[in-house]
Amino acid sequence: MSIGKMPASYDLPDALCSARPTPGRWLRWAAVLLAAGWWALSSLGMPAAAQQRPLLTEDVDIVETGRIRLQAGADFFQNQRFGLSGLRGDLFRPVVLGVHFGLNSNVGFSVEGSLRDYLSIRERGTSAIPLSLAPGATSTSGASDFTLWTKIKLRKETRRAPSLGVRIGVQLPNSDQARGIGLNATNVFGMVLVGKRVARERLNLFGNLGVGILTSPVKPGAQQDVLTYGAAAIYRVTEQVDVLGEVAGRYNPRTPVPGLESQAQVRLGARWRAAGFQWDLAGVAGLTRLSPRRGLTFGVTYEFKGFEPVK
C-alpha cells in the first residue's frame, strides 16, 4: 500500500514528518531547543539547584520555600507502541516542561507535561477507537496531557532512618485520542516516597511505590488500577557532575484494556552544573512490549527566588 501525505490541516514541519527521522535531524532540533532554553532561562540571572531530572522516580526532597524550579527538555523515543490506537513509530517530544514551587518547608506543588507530541508512523495496527488520520498518513501530532502534583515530606532523613514522603497527582485530559498518541482521560496517582544518602552523602538512593487509578479510554465509567514503582540512584562524582540511573514503570495486574498496559523503562545518564544551569542527558531502554525500544532525553534546570511565603 502506498503512503500518501496527510491533509494540509495536519501538515508538520519537514524535519518532523519524515517516516524515518535521522539522528542528524534530531540533534539539530535538540541544539535549537537547548539554545532557546538557555537564552530564555538566562534572562532570570539566578543559579540552578539540584533535583532528580532526567529520572522519572521522584526524590523526597522539596524545593526550598518561596523558590521556583523551572525545567525544560526534549525526549526522543524509537519504536514506541500505542496500545489504544495500534500505532508504532518514533516519538518526538520537543518541549517537555516542569514547574515546581516550594510552598512550605515540607510541601511542594508541581505542573508537568509536554506541550505537543510528534509521531513518525512506522506501522499501523488495529485501533480500538476511530482515528482522525488519513489512510496513508506517515505522521501525527497532538497536545499532551498535563499532570498536577502535590508532594509532602513527612520525615527528614536521620543517620539510621530514611526520609519519607507522599506524592499525589491528577492527570488532566488535554490530548485528543483520535490523533493516535493520547488517551484524553483523567487519571489519579498516589505514591509513597523514600530516600537515603550513603557513602558520605555522595550516593543518593530513593524510590517510589504507589497506585494509579486510570480511566478506561474504551469503556465509559470504567477504570483499572495499576501499581506504579521506581528505584533510582544518583552518585556525585564531583561538585559539578553526577551520574544516575533508574528503573521505573507501572504494572497492570488485570487483563489491560487498550492503552492501559504495563510499561517500564531503564534510564542511565548524567547531569552537570555549568554556566549557572543544571544540564542533564540520559539514555532510555524499554523493558516491556509497549515501552520504547530505546531513546534519549535531555534538558536544563533553573531555580530562582519567586515569591515570599505568606506568614
C-alpha atoms as a PDB file:
ATOM      1  CA  MET A   1       0.000   0.000   0.000  1.00  0.00           C
ATOM      2  CA  SER A   2       1.408   3.385  -0.957  1.00  0.00           C
ATOM      3  CA  ILE A   3       1.771   6.014   1.738  1.00  0.00           C
ATOM      4  CA  GLY A   4       0.419   9.446   0.935  1.00  0.00           C
ATOM      5  CA  LYS A   5       0.668  12.836   2.529  1.00  0.00           C
ATOM      6  CA  MET A   6      -1.558  13.992   5.370  1.00  0.00           C
ATOM      7  CA  PRO A   7      -4.205  16.626   4.724  1.00  0.00           C
ATOM      8  CA  ALA A   8      -2.879  20.181   4.774  1.00  0.00           C
ATOM      9  CA  SER A   9      -4.510  20.907   8.132  1.00  0.00           C
ATOM     10  CA  TYR A  10      -2.334  18.196   9.705  1.00  0.00           C
ATOM     11  CA  ASP A  11       0.957  19.054   7.956  1.00  0.00           C
ATOM     12  CA  LEU A  12       4.033  19.177  10.181  1.00  0.00           C
ATOM     13  CA  PRO A  13       7.471  20.672   9.621  1.00  0.00           C
ATOM     14  CA  ASP A  14       9.548  18.589   7.232  1.00  0.00           C
ATOM     15  CA  ALA A  15      12.004  17.638   9.974  1.00  0.00           C
ATOM     16  CA  LEU A  16       9.176  16.033  11.918  1.00  0.00           C
ATOM     17  CA  CYS A  17       7.206  14.452   9.073  1.00  0.00           C
ATOM     18  CA  SER A  18       9.894  12.106   7.798  1.00  0.00           C
ATOM     19  CA  ALA A  19       8.837   8.495   8.079  1.00  0.00           C
ATOM     20  CA  ARG A  20      12.331   7.707   9.413  1.00  0.00           C
ATOM     21  CA  PRO A  21      13.749  10.772  11.206  1.00  0.00           C
ATOM     22  CA  THR A  22      17.539  10.638  11.101  1.00  0.00           C
ATOM     23  CA  PRO A  23      19.732  11.185  14.175  1.00  0.00           C
ATOM     24  CA  GLY A  24      21.175  14.264  12.475  1.00  0.00           C
ATOM     25  CA  ARG A  25      17.771  15.902  12.240  1.00  0.00           C
ATOM     26  CA  TRP A  26      17.003  15.044  15.848  1.00  0.00           C
ATOM     27  CA  LEU A  27      20.311  16.516  17.020  1.00  0.00           C
ATOM     28  CA  ARG A  28      19.763  19.723  15.066  1.00  0.00           C
ATOM     29  CA  TRP A  29      16.323  20.159  16.636  1.00  0.00           C
ATOM     30  CA  ALA A  30      17.828  19.369  20.040  1.00  0.00           C
ATOM     31  CA  ALA A  31      20.529  22.002  19.631  1.00  0.00           C
ATOM     32  CA  VAL A  32      17.968  24.654  18.675  1.00  0.00           C
ATOM     33  CA  LEU A  33      15.761  23.810  21.667  1.00  0.00           C
ATOM     34  CA  LEU A  34      18.650  23.843  24.128  1.00  0.00           C
ATOM     35  CA  ALA A  35      19.870  27.179  22.802  1.00  0.00           C
ATOM     36  CA  ALA A  36      16.374  28.633  23.137  1.00  0.00           C
ATOM     37  CA  GLY A  37      16.065  27.270  26.656  1.00  0.00           C
ATOM     38  CA  TRP A  38      19.445  28.702  27.623  1.00  0.00           C
ATOM     39  CA  TRP A  39      18.530  32.147  26.320  1.00  0.00           C
ATOM     40  CA  ALA A  40      15.095  32.178  27.977  1.00  0.00           C
ATOM     41  CA  LEU A  41      16.288  30.985  31.360  1.00  0.00           C
ATOM     42  CA  SER A  42      19.463  33.054  31.427  1.00  0.00           C
ATOM     43  CA  SER A  43      17.391  36.228  31.408  1.00  0.00           C
ATOM     44  CA  LEU A  44      16.433  35.421  35.006  1.00  0.00           C
ATOM     45  CA  GLY A  45      20.048  35.665  36.142  1.00  0.00           C
ATOM     46  CA  MET A  46      19.992  33.136  39.035  1.00  0.00           C
ATOM     47  CA  PRO A  47      21.668  29.730  39.560  1.00  0.00           C
ATOM     48  CA  ALA A  48      20.231  26.229  39.242  1.00  0.00           C
ATOM     49  CA  ALA A  49      19.652  23.775  42.088  1.00  0.00           C
ATOM     50  CA  ALA A  50      19.920  20.014  42.298  1.00  0.00           C
ATOM     51  CA  GLN A  51      16.956  17.728  41.583  1.00  0.00           C
ATOM     52  CA  GLN A  52      16.220  14.306  40.064  1.00  0.00           C
ATOM     53  CA  ARG A  53      15.737  15.162  36.369  1.00  0.00           C
ATOM     54  CA  PRO A  54      16.193  13.327  33.925  1.00  0.00           C
ATOM     55  CA  LEU A  55      14.816  10.490  36.057  1.00  0.00           C
ATOM     56  CA  LEU A  56      11.128   9.611  36.417  1.00  0.00           C
ATOM     57  CA  THR A  57      11.482   8.421  40.024  1.00  0.00           C
ATOM     58  CA  GLU A  58      10.672  11.220  42.468  1.00  0.00           C
ATOM     59  CA  ASP A  59      13.030  12.261  45.270  1.00  0.00           C
ATOM     60  CA  VAL A  60      11.656  13.049  48.734  1.00  0.00           C
ATOM     61  CA  ASP A  61      13.261  16.495  48.922  1.00  0.00           C
ATOM     62  CA  ILE A  62      11.143  19.640  48.498  1.00  0.00           C
ATOM     63  CA  VAL A  63      12.033  22.815  46.626  1.00  0.00           C
ATOM     64  CA  GLU A  64      13.106  25.454  49.149  1.00  0.00           C
ATOM     65  CA  THR A  65      10.256  27.619  50.427  1.00  0.00           C
ATOM     66  CA  GLY A  66       9.500  30.555  48.141  1.00  0.00           C
ATOM     67  CA  ARG A  67      11.606  29.268  45.268  1.00  0.00           C
ATOM     68  CA  ILE A  68      10.512  28.142  41.789  1.00  0.00           C
ATOM     69  CA  ARG A  69      12.254  25.432  39.793  1.00  0.00           C
ATOM     70  CA  LEU A  70      11.910  25.536  36.004  1.00  0.00           C
ATOM     71  CA  GLN A  71      12.709  22.536  33.826  1.00  0.00           C
ATOM     72  CA  ALA A  72      12.716  22.279  30.040  1.00  0.00           C
ATOM     73  CA  GLY A  73      13.797  19.352  27.931  1.00  0.00           C
ATOM     74  CA  ALA A  74      13.141  17.102  24.972  1.00  0.00           C
ATOM     75  CA  ASP A  75      12.505  13.359  24.563  1.00  0.00           C
ATOM     76  CA  PHE A  76      13.267  11.109  21.593  1.00  0.00           C
ATOM     77  CA  PHE A  77      11.840   7.568  21.708  1.00  0.00           C
ATOM     78  CA  GLN A  78      12.278   4.974  18.964  1.00  0.00           C
ATOM     79  CA  ASN A  79       9.834   2.174  18.224  1.00  0.00           C
ATOM     80  CA  GLN A  80       7.182   3.451  20.638  1.00  0.00           C
ATOM     81  CA  ARG A  81       3.919   1.451  20.566  1.00  0.00           C
ATOM     82  CA  PHE A  82       0.468   2.822  21.415  1.00  0.00           C
ATOM     83  CA  GLY A  83      -1.919   0.122  22.555  1.00  0.00           C
ATOM     84  CA  LEU A  84      -5.078   2.190  22.112  1.00  0.00           C
ATOM     85  CA  SER A  85      -4.508   3.313  18.514  1.00  0.00           C
ATOM     86  CA  GLY A  86      -2.331   0.420  17.315  1.00  0.00           C
ATOM     87  CA  LEU A  87       0.310   2.848  16.053  1.00  0.00           C
ATOM     88  CA  ARG A  88       4.041   2.201  16.272  1.00  0.00           C
ATOM     89  CA  GLY A  89       6.784   4.671  15.438  1.00  0.00           C
ATOM     90  CA  ASP A  90       9.352   7.216  16.591  1.00  0.00           C
ATOM     91  CA  LEU A  91       8.059   9.690  19.176  1.00  0.00           C
ATOM     92  CA  PHE A  92       9.465  13.228  19.447  1.00  0.00           C
ATOM     93  CA  ARG A  93       8.501  15.450  22.405  1.00  0.00           C
ATOM     94  CA  PRO A  94      10.331  18.739  21.721  1.00  0.00           C
ATOM     95  CA  VAL A  95       9.125  20.761  24.724  1.00  0.00           C
ATOM     96  CA  VAL A  96       8.767  18.823  27.980  1.00  0.00           C
ATOM     97  CA  LEU A  97       8.126  21.231  30.851  1.00  0.00           C
ATOM     98  CA  GLY A  98       8.124  21.086  34.622  1.00  0.00           C
ATOM     99  CA  VAL A  99       7.406  23.933  37.052  1.00  0.00           C
ATOM    100  CA  HIS A 100       7.923  23.242  40.758  1.00  0.00           C
ATOM    101  CA  PHE A 101       7.004  25.531  43.657  1.00  0.00           C
ATOM    102  CA  GLY A 102       8.283  25.354  47.236  1.00  0.00           C
ATOM    103  CA  LEU A 103       5.180  26.282  49.228  1.00  0.00           C
ATOM    104  CA  ASN A 104       6.489  25.303  52.650  1.00  0.00           C
ATOM    105  CA  SER A 105       9.438  23.520  54.205  1.00  0.00           C
ATOM    106  CA  ASN A 106       7.627  20.211  53.684  1.00  0.00           C
ATOM    107  CA  VAL A 107       5.080  20.944  50.900  1.00  0.00           C
ATOM    108  CA  GLY A 108       5.664  21.393  47.179  1.00  0.00           C
ATOM    109  CA  PHE A 109       3.436  21.799  44.115  1.00  0.00           C
ATOM    110  CA  SER A 110       4.324  20.904  40.515  1.00  0.00           C
ATOM    111  CA  VAL A 111       2.939  21.051  36.984  1.00  0.00           C
ATOM    112  CA  GLU A 112       4.471  18.661  34.437  1.00  0.00           C
ATOM    113  CA  GLY A 113       3.771  17.767  30.835  1.00  0.00           C
ATOM    114  CA  SER A 114       4.691  18.016  27.175  1.00  0.00           C
ATOM    115  CA  LEU A 115       3.370  20.854  25.032  1.00  0.00           C
ATOM    116  CA  ARG A 116       2.971  18.707  21.927  1.00  0.00           C
ATOM    117  CA  ASP A 117       4.000  15.224  20.802  1.00  0.00           C
ATOM    118  CA  TYR A 118       5.002  14.173  17.271  1.00  0.00           C
ATOM    119  CA  LEU A 119       4.968  10.603  15.985  1.00  0.00           C
ATOM    120  CA  SER A 120       6.609   9.380  12.794  1.00  0.00           C
ATOM    121  CA  ILE A 121       4.482   6.327  11.958  1.00  0.00           C
ATOM    122  CA  ARG A 122       6.276   3.064  11.147  1.00  0.00           C
ATOM    123  CA  GLU A 123       3.310   0.717  11.470  1.00  0.00           C
ATOM    124  CA  ARG A 124      -0.483   0.919  11.820  1.00  0.00           C
ATOM    125  CA  GLY A 125      -2.125  -1.950  13.667  1.00  0.00           C
ATOM    126  CA  THR A 126      -5.684  -2.473  14.824  1.00  0.00           C
ATOM    127  CA  SER A 127      -7.106   0.547  16.638  1.00  0.00           C
ATOM    128  CA  ALA A 128      -9.615   0.240  19.486  1.00  0.00           C
ATOM    129  CA  ILE A 129     -11.060   3.687  18.665  1.00  0.00           C
ATOM    130  CA  PRO A 130     -11.788   5.675  15.487  1.00  0.00           C
ATOM    131  CA  LEU A 131      -8.784   7.733  14.370  1.00  0.00           C
ATOM    132  CA  SER A 132      -8.816  11.043  12.509  1.00  0.00           C
ATOM    133  CA  LEU A 133      -5.837  10.090  10.344  1.00  0.00           C
ATOM    134  CA  ALA A 134      -5.672   9.781   6.579  1.00  0.00           C
ATOM    135  CA  PRO A 135      -5.254   6.163   5.354  1.00  0.00           C
ATOM    136  CA  GLY A 136      -1.687   6.757   4.192  1.00  0.00           C
ATOM    137  CA  ALA A 137      -0.575   9.189   6.888  1.00  0.00           C
ATOM    138  CA  THR A 138       3.116   8.929   7.770  1.00  0.00           C
ATOM    139  CA  SER A 139       2.964  11.124  10.872  1.00  0.00           C
ATOM    140  CA  THR A 140       0.634  12.512  13.501  1.00  0.00           C
ATOM    141  CA  SER A 141       0.846  15.025  16.321  1.00  0.00           C
ATOM    142  CA  GLY A 142      -1.250  16.212  19.212  1.00  0.00           C
ATOM    143  CA  ALA A 143      -1.343  18.005  22.537  1.00  0.00           C
ATOM    144  CA  SER A 144      -0.211  16.086  25.596  1.00  0.00           C
ATOM    145  CA  ASP A 145      -1.871  15.630  28.989  1.00  0.00           C
ATOM    146  CA  PHE A 146      -0.514  17.683  31.914  1.00  0.00           C
ATOM    147  CA  THR A 147      -0.296  16.432  35.494  1.00  0.00           C
ATOM    148  CA  LEU A 148      -0.685  18.448  38.716  1.00  0.00           C
ATOM    149  CA  TRP A 149       1.291  17.138  41.703  1.00  0.00           C
ATOM    150  CA  THR A 150       1.400  17.851  45.429  1.00  0.00           C
ATOM    151  CA  LYS A 151       4.340  16.457  47.408  1.00  0.00           C
ATOM    152  CA  ILE A 152       4.528  16.320  51.201  1.00  0.00           C
ATOM    153  CA  LYS A 153       7.696  15.466  53.084  1.00  0.00           C
ATOM    154  CA  LEU A 154       6.672  13.567  56.219  1.00  0.00           C
ATOM    155  CA  ARG A 155      10.032  12.753  57.772  1.00  0.00           C
ATOM    156  CA  LYS A 156      13.573  14.030  57.457  1.00  0.00           C
ATOM    157  CA  GLU A 157      16.407  11.613  56.921  1.00  0.00           C
ATOM    158  CA  THR A 158      18.388  10.607  60.021  1.00  0.00           C
ATOM    159  CA  ARG A 159      21.629   8.720  60.439  1.00  0.00           C
ATOM    160  CA  ARG A 160      19.822   5.385  60.528  1.00  0.00           C
ATOM    161  CA  ALA A 161      16.386   6.006  59.024  1.00  0.00           C
ATOM    162  CA  PRO A 162      15.432   7.192  55.517  1.00  0.00           C
ATOM    163  CA  SER A 163      13.372  10.238  54.657  1.00  0.00           C
ATOM    164  CA  LEU A 164       9.707   9.634  53.869  1.00  0.00           C
ATOM    165  CA  GLY A 165       7.078  11.481  51.860  1.00  0.00           C
ATOM    166  CA  VAL A 166       3.942  11.140  49.783  1.00  0.00           C
ATOM    167  CA  ARG A 167       3.022  12.478  46.352  1.00  0.00           C
ATOM    168  CA  ILE A 168      -0.492  12.844  44.961  1.00  0.00           C
ATOM    169  CA  GLY A 169      -1.296  13.809  41.386  1.00  0.00           C
ATOM    170  CA  VAL A 170      -4.087  14.173  38.855  1.00  0.00           C
ATOM    171  CA  GLN A 171      -3.584  13.957  35.105  1.00  0.00           C
ATOM    172  CA  LEU A 172      -5.893  16.274  33.179  1.00  0.00           C
ATOM    173  CA  PRO A 173      -7.479  15.273  29.826  1.00  0.00           C
ATOM    174  CA  ASN A 174      -5.914  17.639  27.324  1.00  0.00           C
ATOM    175  CA  SER A 175      -4.989  15.310  24.450  1.00  0.00           C
ATOM    176  CA  ASP A 176      -7.091  14.120  21.511  1.00  0.00           C
ATOM    177  CA  GLN A 177      -7.177  10.320  21.421  1.00  0.00           C
ATOM    178  CA  ALA A 178      -8.285  10.409  17.781  1.00  0.00           C
ATOM    179  CA  ARG A 179      -4.783  11.644  16.870  1.00  0.00           C
ATOM    180  CA  GLY A 180      -3.467   8.233  17.973  1.00  0.00           C
ATOM    181  CA  ILE A 181      -0.935   9.275  20.650  1.00  0.00           C
ATOM    182  CA  GLY A 182      -3.018  10.351  23.653  1.00  0.00           C
ATOM    183  CA  LEU A 183      -5.675   8.922  25.982  1.00  0.00           C
ATOM    184  CA  ASN A 184      -7.625  12.127  26.825  1.00  0.00           C
ATOM    185  CA  ALA A 185      -8.541  10.732  30.255  1.00  0.00           C
ATOM    186  CA  THR A 186      -8.478  11.895  33.875  1.00  0.00           C
ATOM    187  CA  ASN A 187      -6.120   9.734  35.948  1.00  0.00           C
ATOM    188  CA  VAL A 188      -5.257   9.894  39.651  1.00  0.00           C
ATOM    189  CA  PHE A 189      -1.968   8.847  41.251  1.00  0.00           C
ATOM    190  CA  GLY A 190      -0.731   8.394  44.805  1.00  0.00           C
ATOM    191  CA  MET A 191       2.659   7.134  45.946  1.00  0.00           C
ATOM    192  CA  VAL A 192       4.961   6.779  48.912  1.00  0.00           C
ATOM    193  CA  LEU A 193       8.473   8.237  48.587  1.00  0.00           C
ATOM    194  CA  VAL A 194      11.560   7.025  50.442  1.00  0.00           C
ATOM    195  CA  GLY A 195      15.176   8.192  50.267  1.00  0.00           C
ATOM    196  CA  LYS A 196      18.563   7.683  51.936  1.00  0.00           C
ATOM    197  CA  ARG A 197      22.011   9.162  51.355  1.00  0.00           C
ATOM    198  CA  VAL A 198      25.012   6.920  51.940  1.00  0.00           C
ATOM    199  CA  ALA A 199      28.760   6.852  51.197  1.00  0.00           C
ATOM    200  CA  ARG A 200      29.311  10.162  52.998  1.00  0.00           C
ATOM    201  CA  GLU A 201      26.216  11.516  51.226  1.00  0.00           C
ATOM    202  CA  ARG A 202      27.784  11.096  47.786  1.00  0.00           C
ATOM    203  CA  LEU A 203      25.230   8.403  46.829  1.00  0.00           C
ATOM    204  CA  ASN A 204      21.520   9.300  46.938  1.00  0.00           C
ATOM    205  CA  LEU A 205      19.216   6.258  46.851  1.00  0.00           C
ATOM    206  CA  PHE A 206      15.461   6.814  46.537  1.00  0.00           C
ATOM    207  CA  GLY A 207      12.344   5.010  45.409  1.00  0.00           C
ATOM    208  CA  ASN A 208       8.591   5.260  44.885  1.00  0.00           C
ATOM    209  CA  LEU A 209       5.743   2.797  45.272  1.00  0.00           C
ATOM    210  CA  GLY A 210       2.136   3.691  44.646  1.00  0.00           C
ATOM    211  CA  VAL A 211      -1.089   3.199  42.767  1.00  0.00           C
ATOM    212  CA  GLY A 212      -2.577   4.776  39.657  1.00  0.00           C
ATOM    213  CA  ILE A 213      -6.334   4.894  39.074  1.00  0.00           C
ATOM    214  CA  LEU A 214      -6.607   5.023  35.289  1.00  0.00           C
ATOM    215  CA  THR A 215      -9.781   5.811  33.361  1.00  0.00           C
ATOM    216  CA  SER A 216     -10.600   3.340  30.602  1.00  0.00           C
ATOM    217  CA  PRO A 217     -10.353   5.028  27.186  1.00  0.00           C
ATOM    218  CA  VAL A 218     -12.712   2.496  25.574  1.00  0.00           C
ATOM    219  CA  LYS A 219     -15.427   1.839  28.177  1.00  0.00           C
ATOM    220  CA  PRO A 220     -17.223   4.864  29.713  1.00  0.00           C
ATOM    221  CA  GLY A 221     -17.298   4.840  33.511  1.00  0.00           C
ATOM    222  CA  ALA A 222     -14.742   2.029  33.823  1.00  0.00           C
ATOM    223  CA  GLN A 223     -11.265   2.183  35.325  1.00  0.00           C
ATOM    224  CA  GLN A 224      -8.263  -0.001  36.053  1.00  0.00           C
ATOM    225  CA  ASP A 225      -5.849   0.259  38.986  1.00  0.00           C
ATOM    226  CA  VAL A 226      -2.127  -0.163  38.331  1.00  0.00           C
ATOM    227  CA  LEU A 227       0.930  -0.419  40.556  1.00  0.00           C
ATOM    228  CA  THR A 228       3.492   2.341  39.968  1.00  0.00           C
ATOM    229  CA  TYR A 229       7.115   1.950  41.020  1.00  0.00           C
ATOM    230  CA  GLY A 230      10.575   3.407  40.674  1.00  0.00           C
ATOM    231  CA  ALA A 231      14.050   2.821  42.106  1.00  0.00           C
ATOM    232  CA  ALA A 232      16.852   5.293  41.414  1.00  0.00           C
ATOM    233  CA  ALA A 233      20.396   6.229  42.386  1.00  0.00           C
ATOM    234  CA  ILE A 234      22.407   9.436  41.917  1.00  0.00           C
ATOM    235  CA  TYR A 235      26.156   9.439  42.588  1.00  0.00           C
ATOM    236  CA  ARG A 236      28.052  12.724  42.966  1.00  0.00           C
ATOM    237  CA  VAL A 237      31.313  12.288  41.071  1.00  0.00           C
ATOM    238  CA  THR A 238      32.448  15.889  41.601  1.00  0.00           C
ATOM    239  CA  GLU A 239      30.832  19.091  42.789  1.00  0.00           C
ATOM    240  CA  GLN A 240      29.741  19.708  39.182  1.00  0.00           C
ATOM    241  CA  VAL A 241      28.955  16.207  37.836  1.00  0.00           C
ATOM    242  CA  ASP A 242      26.546  13.434  38.860  1.00  0.00           C
ATOM    243  CA  VAL A 243      25.907  10.039  37.271  1.00  0.00           C
ATOM    244  CA  LEU A 244      22.487   8.462  37.700  1.00  0.00           C
ATOM    245  CA  GLY A 245      20.204   5.594  36.808  1.00  0.00           C
ATOM    246  CA  GLU A 246      16.789   4.121  37.493  1.00  0.00           C
ATOM    247  CA  VAL A 247      14.188   1.505  36.712  1.00  0.00           C
ATOM    248  CA  ALA A 248      10.619   2.862  36.677  1.00  0.00           C
ATOM    249  CA  GLY A 249       7.228   1.894  35.344  1.00  0.00           C
ATOM    250  CA  ARG A 250       3.729   0.640  36.069  1.00  0.00           C
ATOM    251  CA  TYR A 251       2.279  -2.842  36.371  1.00  0.00           C
ATOM    252  CA  ASN A 252      -1.315  -3.721  35.499  1.00  0.00           C
ATOM    253  CA  PRO A 253      -2.268  -6.976  37.305  1.00  0.00           C
ATOM    254  CA  ARG A 254      -5.509  -7.325  35.339  1.00  0.00           C
ATOM    255  CA  THR A 255      -6.106  -8.005  31.677  1.00  0.00           C
ATOM    256  CA  PRO A 256      -5.442  -4.458  30.458  1.00  0.00           C
ATOM    257  CA  VAL A 257      -7.806  -2.546  28.230  1.00  0.00           C
ATOM    258  CA  PRO A 258      -6.050  -0.971  25.227  1.00  0.00           C
ATOM    259  CA  GLY A 259      -3.930   1.957  26.360  1.00  0.00           C
ATOM    260  CA  LEU A 260      -3.522   0.815  29.991  1.00  0.00           C
ATOM    261  CA  GLU A 261      -0.898  -1.887  29.504  1.00  0.00           C
ATOM    262  CA  SER A 262       2.110  -2.409  31.784  1.00  0.00           C
ATOM    263  CA  GLN A 263       5.108  -0.236  30.902  1.00  0.00           C
ATOM    264  CA  ALA A 264       8.671   0.028  32.224  1.00  0.00           C
ATOM    265  CA  GLN A 265      11.998   1.510  31.244  1.00  0.00           C
ATOM    266  CA  VAL A 266      15.562   1.891  32.475  1.00  0.00           C
ATOM    267  CA  ARG A 267      17.441   5.193  32.290  1.00  0.00           C
ATOM    268  CA  LEU A 268      21.179   5.790  32.605  1.00  0.00           C
ATOM    269  CA  GLY A 269      22.762   9.201  32.323  1.00  0.00           C
ATOM    270  CA  ALA A 270      24.490  12.181  33.867  1.00  0.00           C
ATOM    271  CA  ARG A 271      23.883  15.765  34.855  1.00  0.00           C
ATOM    272  CA  TRP A 272      26.298  18.618  35.262  1.00  0.00           C
ATOM    273  CA  ARG A 273      26.268  22.173  36.539  1.00  0.00           C
ATOM    274  CA  ALA A 274      27.677  24.838  34.209  1.00  0.00           C
ATOM    275  CA  ALA A 275      27.008  28.451  33.229  1.00  0.00           C
ATOM    276  CA  GLY A 276      24.509  28.900  36.068  1.00  0.00           C
ATOM    277  CA  PHE A 277      22.293  25.982  34.975  1.00  0.00           C
ATOM    278  CA  GLN A 278      21.980  22.269  35.585  1.00  0.00           C
ATOM    279  CA  TRP A 279      22.082  20.185  32.389  1.00  0.00           C
ATOM    280  CA  ASP A 280      21.113  16.547  32.038  1.00  0.00           C
ATOM    281  CA  LEU A 281      21.324  13.744  29.470  1.00  0.00           C
ATOM    282  CA  ALA A 282      20.167  10.128  29.719  1.00  0.00           C
ATOM    283  CA  GLY A 283      19.686   7.104  27.509  1.00  0.00           C
ATOM    284  CA  VAL A 284      16.419   5.156  27.707  1.00  0.00           C
ATOM    285  CA  ALA A 285      15.704   1.471  27.094  1.00  0.00           C
ATOM    286  CA  GLY A 286      12.238  -0.086  27.256  1.00  0.00           C
ATOM    287  CA  LEU A 287      11.547  -3.227  29.288  1.00  0.00           C
ATOM    288  CA  THR A 288       8.066  -4.136  28.009  1.00  0.00           C
ATOM    289  CA  ARG A 289       6.438  -4.545  24.589  1.00  0.00           C
ATOM    290  CA  LEU A 290       4.578  -1.221  24.886  1.00  0.00           C
ATOM    291  CA  SER A 291       7.664   0.698  26.033  1.00  0.00           C
ATOM    292  CA  PRO A 292      10.035   2.418  23.591  1.00  0.00           C
ATOM    293  CA  ARG A 293      12.860   0.202  22.375  1.00  0.00           C
ATOM    294  CA  ARG A 294      15.405   2.944  23.002  1.00  0.00           C
ATOM    295  CA  GLY A 295      15.540   6.686  23.396  1.00  0.00           C
ATOM    296  CA  LEU A 296      17.280   9.821  24.563  1.00  0.00           C
ATOM    297  CA  THR A 297      16.215  12.575  26.939  1.00  0.00           C
ATOM    298  CA  PHE A 298      17.998  15.794  27.799  1.00  0.00           C
ATOM    299  CA  GLY A 299      17.174  19.108  29.415  1.00  0.00           C
ATOM    300  CA  VAL A 300      18.064  22.045  31.609  1.00  0.00           C
ATOM    301  CA  THR A 301      17.006  23.095  35.115  1.00  0.00           C
ATOM    302  CA  TYR A 302      16.978  26.552  36.667  1.00  0.00           C
ATOM    303  CA  GLU A 303      15.853  27.646  40.123  1.00  0.00           C
ATOM    304  CA  PHE A 304      15.225  31.132  41.496  1.00  0.00           C
ATOM    305  CA  LYS A 305      13.537  33.016  44.315  1.00  0.00           C
ATOM    306  CA  GLY A 306       9.973  33.500  43.079  1.00  0.00           C
ATOM    307  CA  PHE A 307       7.785  34.701  45.941  1.00  0.00           C
ATOM    308  CA  GLU A 308       7.595  35.437  49.625  1.00  0.00           C
ATOM    309  CA  PRO A 309       5.560  32.797  51.521  1.00  0.00           C
ATOM    310  CA  VAL A 310       2.550  34.005  53.480  1.00  0.00           C
ATOM    311  CA  LYS A 311       3.217  34.147  57.230  1.00  0.00           C
END
